[in-house]
Amino acid sequence: MDLEIKGTLTKIGETVTGTGKDGTPWQKLTYLVETDQTYNNLYAFEVFSQEKVEQFKKYNVVGNKVSVKFNVNTNEWKGKYYTTLQSWRCTKDDVQAPEKETVQAETEDDLPF
């Protein structure tokens, strides 16, 4: 299932680092996107891994109109459930009106009928 939301990037959190159970380092970043809907219009997304965090920071700034593709991930820990929105693509959403095509009128009428 492909989930997508469009809105304005309102906040980019600090990069959080840590070490996994197997000793490998990890990084994650949380950012907020606000849509123009009346209710349920604020979404917190996570970007996980050093490469993805660096890529996100390189191309995104607060105030950008963005389109975010994401997965919903739920984990259980000590009988409680935690749901996160894992962003896998965040692109600038250039909402520009398409230019009108100009139709060139033919000056000659060479139709056979």
Protein backbone atom coordinates (compact mmCIF):
# COMPACT_ATOMS: atom_id res chain seq x y z
CA MET A 1 0.00 0.00 0.00
CA ASP A 2 1.36 3.39 -1.02
CA LEU A 3 0.56 6.11 1.52
CA GLU A 4 1.19 9.74 0.60
CA ILE A 5 0.52 13.11 2.23
CA LYS A 6 1.11 16.63 0.91
CA GLY A 7 1.68 19.65 3.11
CA THR A 8 4.18 22.14 4.49
CA LEU A 9 7.35 21.11 6.30
CA THR A 10 6.98 22.95 9.63
CA LYS A 11 9.78 21.55 11.81
CA ILE A 12 12.92 19.44 11.48
CA GLY A 13 14.04 17.89 14.76
CA GLU A 14 17.53 17.11 15.97
CA THR A 15 19.31 13.98 14.75
CA VAL A 16 19.19 11.24 17.38
CA THR A 17 22.01 8.67 17.41
CA GLY A 18 22.48 5.40 19.23
CA THR A 19 23.84 1.88 19.08
CA GLY A 20 21.82 -1.24 18.34
CA LYS A 21 21.89 -4.49 20.32
CA ASP A 22 24.49 -5.84 17.93
CA GLY A 23 26.73 -2.79 18.35
CA THR A 24 25.95 -1.10 15.04
CA PRO A 25 25.41 2.68 15.16
CA TRP A 26 22.12 4.19 13.97
CA GLN A 27 20.62 7.64 13.35
CA LYS A 28 17.08 8.91 13.11
CA LEU A 29 15.43 12.25 12.46
CA THR A 30 11.84 13.35 13.13
CA TYR A 31 10.14 16.07 11.09
CA LEU A 32 6.65 17.56 11.04
CA VAL A 33 4.37 18.16 8.07
CA GLU A 34 1.17 20.17 8.35
CA THR A 35 -1.63 19.83 5.80
CA ASP A 36 -4.40 22.30 5.00
CA GLN A 37 -7.14 19.98 6.30
CA THR A 38 -9.31 21.14 9.21
CA TYR A 39 -8.77 18.11 11.47
CA ASN A 40 -5.87 15.68 11.87
CA ASN A 41 -3.56 17.96 9.95
CA LEU A 42 -0.22 17.43 11.73
CA TYR A 43 2.00 14.43 10.98
CA ALA A 44 5.33 13.43 12.57
CA PHE A 45 7.54 11.36 10.27
CA GLU A 46 10.77 9.50 11.01
CA VAL A 47 13.77 9.06 8.74
CA PHE A 48 16.01 6.19 9.83
CA SER A 49 19.68 5.54 8.84
CA GLN A 50 22.63 7.86 8.45
CA GLU A 51 22.42 7.99 4.66
CA LYS A 52 18.70 8.86 4.61
CA VAL A 53 19.08 11.49 7.35
CA GLU A 54 21.91 13.21 5.43
CA GLN A 55 19.92 13.06 2.19
CA PHE A 56 16.85 14.54 3.89
CA LYS A 57 18.81 17.43 5.44
CA LYS A 58 20.50 18.17 2.13
CA TYR A 59 17.29 18.75 0.15
CA ASN A 60 14.65 19.90 2.67
CA VAL A 61 14.15 23.11 4.65
CA VAL A 62 11.35 24.36 6.90
CA GLY A 63 8.64 26.07 4.86
CA ASN A 64 8.90 23.83 1.79
CA LYS A 65 5.74 22.38 0.30
CA VAL A 66 6.44 18.64 0.29
CA SER A 67 4.99 15.35 -0.80
CA VAL A 68 5.80 12.50 1.62
CA LYS A 69 5.52 8.79 0.88
CA PHE A 70 5.58 6.63 4.00
CA ASN A 71 4.84 3.34 5.73
CA VAL A 72 3.03 2.84 9.03
CA ASN A 73 5.07 0.78 11.51
CA THR A 74 3.77 -0.55 14.86
CA ASN A 75 5.92 -2.20 17.53
CA GLU A 76 5.02 -3.83 20.84
CA TRP A 77 7.16 -3.28 23.94
CA LYS A 78 6.20 -4.49 27.41
CA GLY A 79 2.54 -4.82 26.49
CA LYS A 80 2.26 -1.37 24.93
CA TYR A 81 2.05 -0.55 21.23
CA TYR A 82 3.91 2.27 19.51
CA THR A 83 3.11 3.45 16.00
CA THR A 84 5.48 5.48 13.81
CA LEU A 85 5.24 6.90 10.32
CA GLN A 86 8.41 5.83 8.50
CA SER A 87 9.11 8.26 5.66
CA TRP A 88 10.84 6.72 2.66
CA ARG A 89 10.54 9.63 0.23
CA CYS A 90 10.11 13.36 0.85
CA THR A 91 10.18 15.50 -2.26
CA LYS A 92 9.55 19.17 -2.87
CA ASP A 93 6.01 19.58 -4.18
CA ASP A 94 6.17 22.27 -6.84
CA VAL A 95 2.55 23.33 -7.11
CA GLN A 96 2.63 25.54 -10.12
CA ALA A 97 -0.16 26.04 -12.59
CA PRO A 98 0.75 24.39 -15.87
CA GLU A 99 1.43 26.81 -18.66
CA LYS A 100 -1.36 27.05 -21.18
CA GLU A 101 -0.49 25.68 -24.55
CA THR A 102 -0.92 28.05 -27.39
CA VAL A 103 -2.63 26.56 -30.37
CA GLN A 104 -1.40 27.91 -33.62
CA ALA A 105 -4.20 28.53 -36.06
CA GLU A 106 -3.61 27.39 -39.59
CA THR A 107 -3.65 30.20 -42.09
CA GLU A 108 -4.39 28.02 -45.10
CA ASP A 109 -7.44 25.88 -45.48
CA ASP A 110 -6.25 23.00 -47.61
CA LEU A 111 -8.94 20.49 -46.71
CA PRO A 112 -10.14 18.42 -49.69
CA PHE A 113 -13.85 19.02 -48.97
